[in-house]
Amino acid sequence: SRDVWGAIVGGGRYRGIEGVRSWMLDLYSGWEKVDLSCEELI
């Protein structure tokens, strides 16, 4: 809800493993190409 991803996917809060999965499918379906990498873990 605080991030641009929420606006892109119509997001907010998702609950449960299936909620996370659903959000990811919605996110990736809107993109022809997505490169996502974790640059840093703190």
Full PDB file with SEQRES, HELIX, SHEET, SSBOND, CRYST1, ORIGX, SCALE, CONECT and MASTER records, all heavy atoms in Angstrom:
SEQRES   1 A   42  SER ARG ASP VAL TRP GLY ALA ILE VAL GLY GLY GLY ARG          
SEQRES   2 A   42  TYR ARG GLY ILE GLU GLY VAL ARG SER TRP MET LEU ASP          
SEQRES   3 A   42  LEU TYR SER GLY TRP GLU LYS VAL ASP LEU SER CYS GLU          
SEQRES   4 A   42  GLU LEU ILE                                                  
HELIX    1 AA1 VAL A    4  VAL A    9  1                                   6    
HELIX    2 AA2 GLY A   16  SER A   29  1                                  14    
CRYST1    1.000    1.000    1.000  90.00  90.00  90.00 P 1           1          
ORIGX1      1.000000  0.000000  0.000000        0.00000                         
ORIGX2      0.000000  1.000000  0.000000        0.00000                         
ORIGX3      0.000000  0.000000  1.000000        0.00000                         
SCALE1      1.000000  0.000000  0.000000        0.00000                         
SCALE2      0.000000  1.000000  0.000000        0.00000                         
SCALE3      0.000000  0.000000  1.000000        0.00000                         
ATOM      1  N   SER A   1       0.804  -1.224   0.000  1.00  0.00           N  
ATOM      2  CA  SER A   1       0.000   0.000   0.000  1.00  0.00           C  
ATOM      3  C   SER A   1       0.838   1.276   0.000  1.00  0.00           C  
ATOM      4  O   SER A   1       0.358   2.322  -0.431  1.00  0.00           O  
ATOM      5  CB  SER A   1      -0.950   0.010   1.199  1.00  0.00           C  
ATOM      6  OG  SER A   1      -0.237   0.045   2.421  1.00  0.00           O  
ATOM      7  N   ARG A   2       2.085   1.223   0.458  1.00  0.00           N  
ATOM      8  CA  ARG A   2       2.945   2.415   0.515  1.00  0.00           C  
ATOM      9  C   ARG A   2       3.816   2.563  -0.732  1.00  0.00           C  
ATOM     10  O   ARG A   2       4.531   3.537  -0.879  1.00  0.00           O  
ATOM     11  CB  ARG A   2       3.872   2.330   1.731  1.00  0.00           C  
ATOM     12  CG  ARG A   2       3.169   2.359   3.054  1.00  0.00           C  
ATOM     13  CD  ARG A   2       4.138   1.922   4.157  1.00  0.00           C  
ATOM     14  NE  ARG A   2       3.526   1.891   5.453  1.00  0.00           N  
ATOM     15  CZ  ARG A   2       2.825   0.872   5.938  1.00  0.00           C  
ATOM     16  NH1 ARG A   2       2.640  -0.212   5.223  1.00  0.00           N  
ATOM     17  NH2 ARG A   2       2.305   0.919   7.145  1.00  0.00           N  
ATOM     18  N   ASP A   3       3.779   1.584  -1.595  1.00  0.00           N  
ATOM     19  CA  ASP A   3       4.718   1.523  -2.711  1.00  0.00           C  
ATOM     20  C   ASP A   3       4.004   1.682  -4.048  1.00  0.00           C  
ATOM     21  O   ASP A   3       2.805   1.443  -4.157  1.00  0.00           O  
ATOM     22  CB  ASP A   3       5.457   0.177  -2.661  1.00  0.00           C  
ATOM     23  CG  ASP A   3       6.546   0.095  -3.692  1.00  0.00           C  
ATOM     24  OD1 ASP A   3       7.411   0.982  -3.711  1.00  0.00           O  
ATOM     25  OD2 ASP A   3       6.530  -0.852  -4.493  1.00  0.00           O  
ATOM     26  N   VAL A   4       4.747   2.024  -5.071  1.00  0.00           N  
ATOM     27  CA  VAL A   4       4.213   2.167  -6.419  1.00  0.00           C  
ATOM     28  C   VAL A   4       3.621   0.843  -6.908  1.00  0.00           C  
ATOM     29  O   VAL A   4       2.680   0.829  -7.688  1.00  0.00           O  
ATOM     30  CB  VAL A   4       5.289   2.708  -7.393  1.00  0.00           C  
ATOM     31  CG1 VAL A   4       6.354   1.682  -7.674  1.00  0.00           C  
ATOM     32  CG2 VAL A   4       4.648   3.188  -8.676  1.00  0.00           C  
ATOM     33  N   TRP A   5       4.139  -0.286  -6.425  1.00  0.00           N  
ATOM     34  CA  TRP A   5       3.582  -1.578  -6.834  1.00  0.00           C  
ATOM     35  C   TRP A   5       2.110  -1.682  -6.473  1.00  0.00           C  
ATOM     36  O   TRP A   5       1.338  -2.283  -7.182  1.00  0.00           O  
ATOM     37  CB  TRP A   5       4.329  -2.727  -6.185  1.00  0.00           C  
ATOM     38  CG  TRP A   5       5.630  -3.032  -6.834  1.00  0.00           C  
ATOM     39  CD1 TRP A   5       6.094  -2.580  -8.031  1.00  0.00           C  
ATOM     40  CD2 TRP A   5       6.648  -3.872  -6.322  1.00  0.00           C  
ATOM     41  NE1 TRP A   5       7.336  -3.072  -8.280  1.00  0.00           N  
ATOM     42  CE2 TRP A   5       7.698  -3.873  -7.253  1.00  0.00           C  
ATOM     43  CE3 TRP A   5       6.773  -4.626  -5.169  1.00  0.00           C  
ATOM     44  CZ2 TRP A   5       8.852  -4.603  -7.063  1.00  0.00           C  
ATOM     45  CZ3 TRP A   5       7.938  -5.348  -4.987  1.00  0.00           C  
ATOM     46  CH2 TRP A   5       8.959  -5.338  -5.922  1.00  0.00           C  
ATOM     47  N   GLY A   6       1.735  -1.093  -5.354  1.00  0.00           N  
ATOM     48  CA  GLY A   6       0.330  -1.108  -4.966  1.00  0.00           C  
ATOM     49  C   GLY A   6      -0.530  -0.401  -5.991  1.00  0.00           C  
ATOM     50  O   GLY A   6      -1.596  -0.881  -6.372  1.00  0.00           O  
ATOM     51  N   ALA A   7      -0.060   0.740  -6.481  1.00  0.00           N  
ATOM     52  CA  ALA A   7      -0.812   1.489  -7.475  1.00  0.00           C  
ATOM     53  C   ALA A   7      -0.850   0.763  -8.816  1.00  0.00           C  
ATOM     54  O   ALA A   7      -1.869   0.757  -9.506  1.00  0.00           O  
ATOM     55  CB  ALA A   7      -0.192   2.874  -7.646  1.00  0.00           C  
ATOM     56  N   ILE A   8       0.246   0.119  -9.170  1.00  0.00           N  
ATOM     57  CA  ILE A   8       0.321  -0.584 -10.451  1.00  0.00           C  
ATOM     58  C   ILE A   8      -0.663  -1.747 -10.500  1.00  0.00           C  
ATOM     59  O   ILE A   8      -1.341  -1.969 -11.488  1.00  0.00           O  
ATOM     60  CB  ILE A   8       1.758  -1.081 -10.726  1.00  0.00           C  
ATOM     61  CG1 ILE A   8       2.675   0.104 -11.021  1.00  0.00           C  
ATOM     62  CG2 ILE A   8       1.785  -2.087 -11.869  1.00  0.00           C  
ATOM     63  CD1 ILE A   8       4.137  -0.257 -11.107  1.00  0.00           C  
ATOM     64  N   VAL A   9      -0.747  -2.490  -9.415  1.00  0.00           N  
ATOM     65  CA  VAL A   9      -1.553  -3.700  -9.404  1.00  0.00           C  
ATOM     66  C   VAL A   9      -2.903  -3.470  -8.721  1.00  0.00           C  
ATOM     67  O   VAL A   9      -3.727  -4.352  -8.640  1.00  0.00           O  
ATOM     68  CB  VAL A   9      -0.771  -4.857  -8.723  1.00  0.00           C  
ATOM     69  CG1 VAL A   9      -1.529  -6.145  -8.759  1.00  0.00           C  
ATOM     70  CG2 VAL A   9       0.580  -5.040  -9.400  1.00  0.00           C  
ATOM     71  N   GLY A  10      -3.160  -2.256  -8.262  1.00  0.00           N  
ATOM     72  CA  GLY A  10      -4.407  -1.997  -7.551  1.00  0.00           C  
ATOM     73  C   GLY A  10      -4.337  -2.531  -6.137  1.00  0.00           C  
ATOM     74  O   GLY A  10      -5.322  -2.933  -5.544  1.00  0.00           O  
ATOM     75  N   GLY A  11      -3.131  -2.520  -5.607  1.00  0.00           N  
ATOM     76  CA  GLY A  11      -2.833  -3.224  -4.380  1.00  0.00           C  
ATOM     77  C   GLY A  11      -3.232  -2.561  -3.097  1.00  0.00           C  
ATOM     78  O   GLY A  11      -3.923  -1.562  -3.053  1.00  0.00           O  
ATOM     79  N   GLY A  12      -2.740  -3.166  -2.117  1.00  0.00           N  
ATOM     80  CA  GLY A  12      -2.993  -2.808  -0.741  1.00  0.00           C  
ATOM     81  C   GLY A  12      -2.319  -3.851   0.111  1.00  0.00           C  
ATOM     82  O   GLY A  12      -1.108  -3.986   0.078  1.00  0.00           O  
ATOM     83  N   ARG A  13      -3.142  -4.629   0.792  1.00  0.00           N  
ATOM     84  CA  ARG A  13      -2.605  -5.694   1.642  1.00  0.00           C  
ATOM     85  C   ARG A  13      -3.139  -7.036   1.183  1.00  0.00           C  
ATOM     86  O   ARG A  13      -4.331  -7.174   0.918  1.00  0.00           O  
ATOM     87  CB  ARG A  13      -2.994  -5.428   3.081  1.00  0.00           C  
ATOM     88  CG  ARG A  13      -2.291  -4.228   3.653  1.00  0.00           C  
ATOM     89  CD  ARG A  13      -2.687  -3.990   5.113  1.00  0.00           C  
ATOM     90  NE  ARG A  13      -1.970  -2.843   5.626  1.00  0.00           N  
ATOM     91  CZ  ARG A  13      -2.411  -1.590   5.543  1.00  0.00           C  
ATOM     92  NH1 ARG A  13      -3.565  -1.338   4.966  1.00  0.00           N  
ATOM     93  NH2 ARG A  13      -1.701  -0.601   6.038  1.00  0.00           N  
ATOM     94  N   TYR A  14      -2.256  -7.992   1.139  1.00  0.00           N  
ATOM     95  CA  TYR A  14      -2.608  -9.350   0.732  1.00  0.00           C  
ATOM     96  C   TYR A  14      -2.297 -10.279   1.891  1.00  0.00           C  
ATOM     97  O   TYR A  14      -1.332 -10.067   2.622  1.00  0.00           O  
ATOM     98  CB  TYR A  14      -1.796  -9.761  -0.502  1.00  0.00           C  
ATOM     99  CG  TYR A  14      -2.103  -8.882  -1.692  1.00  0.00           C  
ATOM    100  CD1 TYR A  14      -1.506  -7.642  -1.820  1.00  0.00           C  
ATOM    101  CD2 TYR A  14      -3.008  -9.292  -2.651  1.00  0.00           C  
ATOM    102  CE1 TYR A  14      -1.800  -6.812  -2.899  1.00  0.00           C  
ATOM    103  CE2 TYR A  14      -3.311  -8.481  -3.732  1.00  0.00           C  
ATOM    104  CZ  TYR A  14      -2.702  -7.243  -3.847  1.00  0.00           C  
ATOM    105  OH  TYR A  14      -3.000  -6.437  -4.911  1.00  0.00           O  
ATOM    106  N   ARG A  15      -3.098 -11.300   2.063  1.00  0.00           N  
ATOM    107  CA  ARG A  15      -2.907 -12.203   3.196  1.00  0.00           C  
ATOM    108  C   ARG A  15      -2.743 -13.635   2.690  1.00  0.00           C  
ATOM    109  O   ARG A  15      -3.418 -14.062   1.770  1.00  0.00           O  
ATOM    110  CB  ARG A  15      -4.101 -12.120   4.141  1.00  0.00           C  
ATOM    111  CG  ARG A  15      -3.946 -13.072   5.270  1.00  0.00           C  
ATOM    112  CD  ARG A  15      -4.247 -12.636   6.666  1.00  0.00           C  
ATOM    113  NE  ARG A  15      -4.221 -11.275   7.068  1.00  0.00           N  
ATOM    114  CZ  ARG A  15      -3.277 -10.749   7.845  1.00  0.00           C  
ATOM    115  NH1 ARG A  15      -2.243 -11.459   8.219  1.00  0.00           N  
ATOM    116  NH2 ARG A  15      -3.369  -9.505   8.237  1.00  0.00           N  
ATOM    117  N   GLY A  16      -1.816 -14.325   3.336  1.00  0.00           N  
ATOM    118  CA  GLY A  16      -1.602 -15.738   3.049  1.00  0.00           C  
ATOM    119  C   GLY A  16      -0.715 -15.965   1.843  1.00  0.00           C  
ATOM    120  O   GLY A  16      -0.474 -15.057   1.038  1.00  0.00           O  
ATOM    121  N   ILE A  17      -0.243 -17.175   1.734  1.00  0.00           N  
ATOM    122  CA  ILE A  17       0.649 -17.549   0.635  1.00  0.00           C  
ATOM    123  C   ILE A  17      -0.055 -17.364  -0.703  1.00  0.00           C  
ATOM    124  O   ILE A  17       0.533 -16.877  -1.666  1.00  0.00           O  
ATOM    125  CB  ILE A  17       1.152 -18.993   0.813  1.00  0.00           C  
ATOM    126  CG1 ILE A  17       2.013 -19.071   2.076  1.00  0.00           C  
ATOM    127  CG2 ILE A  17       1.929 -19.461  -0.408  1.00  0.00           C  
ATOM    128  CD1 ILE A  17       2.341 -20.479   2.526  1.00  0.00           C  
ATOM    129  N   GLU A  18      -1.336 -17.726  -0.766  1.00  0.00           N  
ATOM    130  CA  GLU A  18      -2.069 -17.549  -2.022  1.00  0.00           C  
ATOM    131  C   GLU A  18      -2.259 -16.071  -2.352  1.00  0.00           C  
ATOM    132  O   GLU A  18      -2.286 -15.701  -3.520  1.00  0.00           O  
ATOM    133  CB  GLU A  18      -3.403 -18.292  -1.981  1.00  0.00           C  
ATOM    134  CG  GLU A  18      -3.241 -19.800  -2.098  1.00  0.00           C  
ATOM    135  CD  GLU A  18      -2.427 -20.230  -3.314  1.00  0.00           C  
ATOM    136  OE1 GLU A  18      -2.697 -19.741  -4.438  1.00  0.00           O  
ATOM    137  OE2 GLU A  18      -1.495 -21.049  -3.148  1.00  0.00           O  
ATOM    138  N   GLY A  19      -2.380 -15.226  -1.344  1.00  0.00           N  
ATOM    139  CA  GLY A  19      -2.463 -13.791  -1.577  1.00  0.00           C  
ATOM    140  C   GLY A  19      -1.183 -13.254  -2.195  1.00  0.00           C  
ATOM    141  O   GLY A  19      -1.221 -12.461  -3.142  1.00  0.00           O  
ATOM    142  N   VAL A  20      -0.037 -13.684  -1.674  1.00  0.00           N  
ATOM    143  CA  VAL A  20       1.263 -13.271  -2.227  1.00  0.00           C  
ATOM    144  C   VAL A  20       1.385 -13.774  -3.664  1.00  0.00           C  
ATOM    145  O   VAL A  20       1.784 -13.025  -4.566  1.00  0.00           O  
ATOM    146  CB  VAL A  20       2.430 -13.795  -1.365  1.00  0.00           C  
ATOM    147  CG1 VAL A  20       3.767 -13.510  -2.036  1.00  0.00           C  
ATOM    148  CG2 VAL A  20       2.385 -13.187   0.030  1.00  0.00           C  
ATOM    149  N   ARG A  21       1.017 -15.013  -3.874  1.00  0.00           N  
ATOM    150  CA  ARG A  21       1.082 -15.604  -5.220  1.00  0.00           C  
ATOM    151  C   ARG A  21       0.189 -14.824  -6.193  1.00  0.00           C  
ATOM    152  O   ARG A  21       0.596 -14.494  -7.308  1.00  0.00           O  
ATOM    153  CB  ARG A  21       0.666 -17.068  -5.165  1.00  0.00           C  
ATOM    154  CG  ARG A  21       0.777 -17.781  -6.479  1.00  0.00           C  
ATOM    155  CD  ARG A  21       0.397 -19.273  -6.299  1.00  0.00           C  
ATOM    156  NE  ARG A  21       0.462 -19.957  -7.547  1.00  0.00           N  
ATOM    157  CZ  ARG A  21      -0.527 -19.980  -8.450  1.00  0.00           C  
ATOM    158  NH1 ARG A  21      -1.664 -19.357  -8.212  1.00  0.00           N  
ATOM    159  NH2 ARG A  21      -0.382 -20.635  -9.583  1.00  0.00           N  
ATOM    160  N   SER A  22      -1.025 -14.513  -5.772  1.00  0.00           N  
ATOM    161  CA  SER A  22      -1.966 -13.772  -6.609  1.00  0.00           C  
ATOM    162  C   SER A  22      -1.408 -12.397  -6.966  1.00  0.00           C  
ATOM    163  O   SER A  22      -1.486 -11.962  -8.124  1.00  0.00           O  
ATOM    164  CB  SER A  22      -3.293 -13.635  -5.863  1.00  0.00           C  
ATOM    165  OG  SER A  22      -4.161 -12.793  -6.557  1.00  0.00           O  
ATOM    166  N   TRP A  23      -0.828 -11.709  -5.973  1.00  0.00           N  
ATOM    167  CA  TRP A  23      -0.242 -10.400  -6.232  1.00  0.00           C  
ATOM    168  C   TRP A  23       0.884 -10.512  -7.259  1.00  0.00           C  
ATOM    169  O   TRP A  23       0.972  -9.712  -8.191  1.00  0.00           O  
ATOM    170  CB  TRP A  23       0.282  -9.776  -4.936  1.00  0.00           C  
ATOM    171  CG  TRP A  23       0.940  -8.473  -5.192  1.00  0.00           C  
ATOM    172  CD1 TRP A  23       0.337  -7.267  -5.347  1.00  0.00           C  
ATOM    173  CD2 TRP A  23       2.330  -8.248  -5.393  1.00  0.00           C  
ATOM    174  NE1 TRP A  23       1.276  -6.308  -5.616  1.00  0.00           N  
ATOM    175  CE2 TRP A  23       2.501  -6.884  -5.654  1.00  0.00           C  
ATOM    176  CE3 TRP A  23       3.459  -9.084  -5.375  1.00  0.00           C  
ATOM    177  CZ2 TRP A  23       3.754  -6.336  -5.895  1.00  0.00           C  
ATOM    178  CZ3 TRP A  23       4.693  -8.526  -5.613  1.00  0.00           C  
ATOM    179  CH2 TRP A  23       4.824  -7.164  -5.871  1.00  0.00           C  
ATOM    180  N   MET A  24       1.740 -11.515  -7.100  1.00  0.00           N  
ATOM    181  CA  MET A  24       2.867 -11.675  -8.033  1.00  0.00           C  
ATOM    182  C   MET A  24       2.371 -11.956  -9.449  1.00  0.00           C  
ATOM    183  O   MET A  24       2.892 -11.405 -10.414  1.00  0.00           O  
ATOM    184  CB  MET A  24       3.818 -12.764  -7.553  1.00  0.00           C  
ATOM    185  CG  MET A  24       4.593 -12.334  -6.323  1.00  0.00           C  
ATOM    186  SD  MET A  24       5.843 -13.517  -5.845  1.00  0.00           S  
ATOM    187  CE  MET A  24       7.070 -13.178  -7.093  1.00  0.00           C  
ATOM    188  N   LEU A  25       1.360 -12.809  -9.584  1.00  0.00           N  
ATOM    189  CA  LEU A  25       0.817 -13.101 -10.913  1.00  0.00           C  
ATOM    190  C   LEU A  25       0.224 -11.841 -11.538  1.00  0.00           C  
ATOM    191  O   LEU A  25       0.427 -11.578 -12.726  1.00  0.00           O  
ATOM    192  CB  LEU A  25      -0.234 -14.201 -10.827  1.00  0.00           C  
ATOM    193  CG  LEU A  25       0.296 -15.602 -10.521  1.00  0.00           C  
ATOM    194  CD1 LEU A  25      -0.866 -16.563 -10.288  1.00  0.00           C  
ATOM    195  CD2 LEU A  25       1.206 -16.105 -11.632  1.00  0.00           C  
ATOM    196  N   ASP A  26      -0.504 -11.061 -10.745  1.00  0.00           N  
ATOM    197  CA  ASP A  26      -1.067  -9.799 -11.250  1.00  0.00           C  
ATOM    198  C   ASP A  26       0.037  -8.844 -11.679  1.00  0.00           C  
ATOM    199  O   ASP A  26      -0.050  -8.208 -12.727  1.00  0.00           O  
ATOM    200  CB  ASP A  26      -1.934  -9.120 -10.192  1.00  0.00           C  
ATOM    201  CG  ASP A  26      -3.260  -9.828  -9.975  1.00  0.00           C  
ATOM    202  OD1 ASP A  26      -3.621 -10.694 -10.789  1.00  0.00           O  
ATOM    203  OD2 ASP A  26      -3.918  -9.510  -8.967  1.00  0.00           O  
ATOM    204  N   LEU A  27       1.082  -8.743 -10.864  1.00  0.00           N  
ATOM    205  CA  LEU A  27       2.188  -7.845 -11.177  1.00  0.00           C  
ATOM    206  C   LEU A  27       2.861  -8.242 -12.488  1.00  0.00           C  
ATOM    207  O   LEU A  27       3.008  -7.436 -13.397  1.00  0.00           O  
ATOM    208  CB  LEU A  27       3.224  -7.836 -10.055  1.00  0.00           C  
ATOM    209  CG  LEU A  27       4.466  -6.994 -10.342  1.00  0.00           C  
ATOM    210  CD1 LEU A  27       4.126  -5.516 -10.317  1.00  0.00           C  
ATOM    211  CD2 LEU A  27       5.570  -7.305  -9.359  1.00  0.00           C  
ATOM    212  N   TYR A  28       3.250  -9.501 -12.599  1.00  0.00           N  
ATOM    213  CA  TYR A  28       3.990  -9.943 -13.781  1.00  0.00           C  
ATOM    214  C   TYR A  28       3.127  -9.940 -15.051  1.00  0.00           C  
ATOM    215  O   TYR A  28       3.645  -9.756 -16.142  1.00  0.00           O  
ATOM    216  CB  TYR A  28       4.611 -11.317 -13.549  1.00  0.00           C  
ATOM    217  CG  TYR A  28       5.876 -11.248 -12.724  1.00  0.00           C  
ATOM    218  CD1 TYR A  28       5.866 -11.487 -11.360  1.00  0.00           C  
ATOM    219  CD2 TYR A  28       7.088 -10.915 -13.324  1.00  0.00           C  
ATOM    220  CE1 TYR A  28       7.031 -11.399 -10.607  1.00  0.00           C  
ATOM    221  CE2 TYR A  28       8.254 -10.825 -12.582  1.00  0.00           C  
ATOM    222  CZ  TYR A  28       8.213 -11.073 -11.225  1.00  0.00           C  
ATOM    223  OH  TYR A  28       9.367 -10.981 -10.485  1.00  0.00           O  
ATOM    224  N   SER A  29       1.823 -10.121 -14.905  1.00  0.00           N  
ATOM    225  CA  SER A  29       0.963 -10.163 -16.094  1.00  0.00           C  
ATOM    226  C   SER A  29       0.905  -8.812 -16.803  1.00  0.00           C  
ATOM    227  O   SER A  29       0.631  -8.759 -17.995  1.00  0.00           O  
ATOM    228  CB  SER A  29      -0.438 -10.639 -15.730  1.00  0.00           C  
ATOM    229  OG  SER A  29      -1.122  -9.639 -15.000  1.00  0.00           O  
ATOM    230  N   GLY A  30       1.158  -7.717 -16.098  1.00  0.00           N  
ATOM    231  CA  GLY A  30       1.095  -6.391 -16.700  1.00  0.00           C  
ATOM    232  C   GLY A  30       2.361  -5.970 -17.425  1.00  0.00           C  
ATOM    233  O   GLY A  30       2.399  -4.903 -18.026  1.00  0.00           O  
ATOM    234  N   TRP A  31       3.372  -6.815 -17.380  1.00  0.00           N  
ATOM    235  CA  TRP A  31       4.665  -6.432 -17.941  1.00  0.00           C  
ATOM    236  C   TRP A  31       5.094  -7.374 -19.044  1.00  0.00           C  
ATOM    237  O   TRP A  31       5.000  -8.582 -18.906  1.00  0.00           O  
ATOM    238  CB  TRP A  31       5.731  -6.419 -16.831  1.00  0.00           C  
ATOM    239  CG  TRP A  31       5.378  -5.440 -15.774  1.00  0.00           C  
ATOM    240  CD1 TRP A  31       4.720  -5.689 -14.613  1.00  0.00           C  
ATOM    241  CD2 TRP A  31       5.615  -4.044 -15.805  1.00  0.00           C  
ATOM    242  NE1 TRP A  31       4.539  -4.533 -13.915  1.00  0.00           N  
ATOM    243  CE2 TRP A  31       5.087  -3.504 -14.619  1.00  0.00           C  
ATOM    244  CE3 TRP A  31       6.238  -3.196 -16.712  1.00  0.00           C  
ATOM    245  CZ2 TRP A  31       5.144  -2.146 -14.322  1.00  0.00           C  
ATOM    246  CZ3 TRP A  31       6.305  -1.848 -16.416  1.00  0.00           C  
ATOM    247  CH2 TRP A  31       5.764  -1.337 -15.242  1.00  0.00           C  
ATOM    248  N   GLU A  32       5.586  -6.774 -20.116  1.00  0.00           N  
ATOM    249  CA  GLU A  32       6.167  -7.558 -21.198  1.00  0.00           C  
ATOM    250  C   GLU A  32       7.469  -8.203 -20.721  1.00  0.00           C  
ATOM    251  O   GLU A  32       7.788  -9.332 -21.053  1.00  0.00           O  
ATOM    252  CB  GLU A  32       6.439  -6.628 -22.379  1.00  0.00           C  
ATOM    253  CG  GLU A  32       7.077  -7.282 -23.573  1.00  0.00           C  
ATOM    254  CD  GLU A  32       7.333  -6.261 -24.670  1.00  0.00           C  
ATOM    255  OE1 GLU A  32       6.495  -5.357 -24.877  1.00  0.00           O  
ATOM    256  OE2 GLU A  32       8.389  -6.370 -25.309  1.00  0.00           O  
ATOM    257  N   LYS A  33       8.187  -7.424 -19.929  1.00  0.00           N  
ATOM    258  CA  LYS A  33       9.468  -7.892 -19.406  1.00  0.00           C  
ATOM    259  C   LYS A  33       9.672  -7.270 -18.035  1.00  0.00           C  
ATOM    260  O   LYS A  33       9.427  -6.085 -17.851  1.00  0.00           O  
ATOM    261  CB  LYS A  33      10.593  -7.460 -20.342  1.00  0.00           C  
ATOM    262  CG  LYS A  33      11.957  -7.870 -19.907  1.00  0.00           C  
ATOM    263  CD  LYS A  33      13.019  -7.357 -20.862  1.00  0.00           C  
ATOM    264  CE  LYS A  33      14.375  -7.768 -20.340  1.00  0.00           C  
ATOM    265  NZ  LYS A  33      15.447  -7.268 -21.141  1.00  0.00           N  
ATOM    266  N   VAL A  34      10.102  -8.079 -17.074  1.00  0.00           N  
ATOM    267  CA  VAL A  34      10.431  -7.584 -15.743  1.00  0.00           C  
ATOM    268  C   VAL A  34      11.737  -8.235 -15.302  1.00  0.00           C  
ATOM    269  O   VAL A  34      11.867  -9.456 -15.336  1.00  0.00           O  
ATOM    270  CB  VAL A  34       9.337  -7.911 -14.700  1.00  0.00           C  
ATOM    271  CG1 VAL A  34       9.792  -7.486 -13.313  1.00  0.00           C  
ATOM    272  CG2 VAL A  34       8.030  -7.259 -15.037  1.00  0.00           C  
ATOM    273  N   ASP A  35      12.698  -7.408 -14.930  1.00  0.00           N  
ATOM    274  CA  ASP A  35      13.934  -7.896 -14.336  1.00  0.00           C  
ATOM    275  C   ASP A  35      13.963  -7.388 -12.910  1.00  0.00           C  
ATOM    276  O   ASP A  35      13.992  -6.172 -12.683  1.00  0.00           O  
ATOM    277  CB  ASP A  35      15.163  -7.382 -15.100  1.00  0.00           C  
ATOM    278  CG  ASP A  35      15.246  -7.938 -16.500  1.00  0.00           C  
ATOM    279  OD1 ASP A  35      14.967  -9.138 -16.669  1.00  0.00           O  
ATOM    280  OD2 ASP A  35      15.569  -7.171 -17.425  1.00  0.00           O  
ATOM    281  N   LEU A  36      13.938  -8.305 -11.974  1.00  0.00           N  
ATOM    282  CA  LEU A  36      13.921  -7.954 -10.570  1.00  0.00           C  
ATOM    283  C   LEU A  36      15.093  -8.653  -9.905  1.00  0.00           C  
ATOM    284  O   LEU A  36      15.264  -9.860 -10.064  1.00  0.00           O  
ATOM    285  CB  LEU A  36      12.606  -8.427  -9.959  1.00  0.00           C  
ATOM    286  CG  LEU A  36      12.357  -8.168  -8.497  1.00  0.00           C  
ATOM    287  CD1 LEU A  36      10.865  -7.992  -8.276  1.00  0.00           C  
ATOM    288  CD2 LEU A  36      12.875  -9.284  -7.634  1.00  0.00           C  
ATOM    289  N   SER A  37      15.910  -7.879  -9.205  1.00  0.00           N  
ATOM    290  CA  SER A  37      17.014  -8.507  -8.484  1.00  0.00           C  
ATOM    291  C   SER A  37      17.169  -7.847  -7.115  1.00  0.00           C  
ATOM    292  O   SER A  37      16.905  -6.662  -6.952  1.00  0.00           O  
ATOM    293  CB  SER A  37      18.318  -8.420  -9.274  1.00  0.00           C  
ATOM    294  OG  SER A  37      18.695  -7.078  -9.448  1.00  0.00           O  
ATOM    295  N   CYS A  38      17.585  -8.656  -6.171  1.00  0.00           N  
ATOM    296  CA  CYS A  38      17.827  -8.163  -4.821  1.00  0.00           C  
ATOM    297  C   CYS A  38      19.261  -7.652  -4.774  1.00  0.00           C  
ATOM    298  O   CYS A  38      20.203  -8.426  -4.927  1.00  0.00           O  
ATOM    299  CB  CYS A  38      17.592  -9.278  -3.811  1.00  0.00           C  
ATOM    300  SG  CYS A  38      17.784  -8.727  -2.111  1.00  0.00           S  
ATOM    301  N   GLU A  39      19.421  -6.345  -4.597  1.00  0.00           N  
ATOM    302  CA  GLU A  39      20.747  -5.735  -4.584  1.00  0.00           C  
ATOM    303  C   GLU A  39      21.403  -5.737  -3.217  1.00  0.00           C  
ATOM    304  O   GLU A  39      22.624  -5.742  -3.108  1.00  0.00           O  
ATOM    305  CB  GLU A  39      20.663  -4.292  -5.074  1.00  0.00           C  
ATOM    306  CG  GLU A  39      20.374  -4.166  -6.539  1.00  0.00           C  
ATOM    307  CD  GLU A  39      20.546  -2.738  -7.026  1.00  0.00           C  
ATOM    308  OE1 GLU A  39      20.548  -1.800  -6.212  1.00  0.00           O  
ATOM    309  OE2 GLU A  39      20.675  -2.574  -8.248  1.00  0.00           O  
ATOM    310  N   GLU A  40      20.590  -5.695  -2.169  1.00  0.00           N  
ATOM    311  CA  GLU A  40      21.155  -5.550  -0.826  1.00  0.00           C  
ATOM    312  C   GLU A  40      20.190  -6.127   0.200  1.00  0.00           C  
ATOM    313  O   GLU A  40      18.978  -5.930   0.106  1.00  0.00           O  
ATOM    314  CB  GLU A  40      21.387  -4.063  -0.550  1.00  0.00           C  
ATOM    315  CG  GLU A  40      21.972  -3.736   0.786  1.00  0.00           C  
ATOM    316  CD  GLU A  40      22.154  -2.231   0.992  1.00  0.00           C  
ATOM    317  OE1 GLU A  40      21.533  -1.417   0.277  1.00  0.00           O  
ATOM    318  OE2 GLU A  40      22.920  -1.886   1.909  1.00  0.00           O  
ATOM    319  N   LEU A  41      20.739  -6.831   1.185  1.00  0.00           N  
ATOM    320  CA  LEU A  41      19.972  -7.290   2.335  1.00  0.00           C  
ATOM    321  C   LEU A  41      20.610  -6.689   3.576  1.00  0.00           C  
ATOM    322  O   LEU A  41      21.818  -6.813   3.774  1.00  0.00           O  
ATOM    323  CB  LEU A  41      19.963  -8.814   2.424  1.00  0.00           C  
ATOM    324  CG  LEU A  41      19.216  -9.534   1.301  1.00  0.00           C  
ATOM    325  CD1 LEU A  41      19.406 -11.041   1.403  1.00  0.00           C  
ATOM    326  CD2 LEU A  41      17.741  -9.176   1.313  1.00  0.00           C  
ATOM    327  N   ILE A  42      19.797  -6.031   4.381  1.00  0.00           N  
ATOM    328  CA  ILE A  42      20.292  -5.356   5.576  1.00  0.00           C  
ATOM    329  C   ILE A  42      19.715  -6.045   6.800  1.00  0.00           C  
ATOM    330  O   ILE A  42      18.494  -6.134   6.956  1.00  0.00           O  
ATOM    331  CB  ILE A  42      19.888  -3.869   5.567  1.00  0.00           C  
ATOM    332  CG1 ILE A  42      20.423  -3.180   4.309  1.00  0.00           C  
ATOM    333  CG2 ILE A  42      20.364  -3.171   6.838  1.00  0.00           C  
ATOM    334  CD1 ILE A  42      19.803  -1.816   4.038  1.00  0.00           C  
TER     335      ILE A  42                                                      
MASTER        0    0    0    2    0    0    0    6  334    1    0    4          
END                                                                             
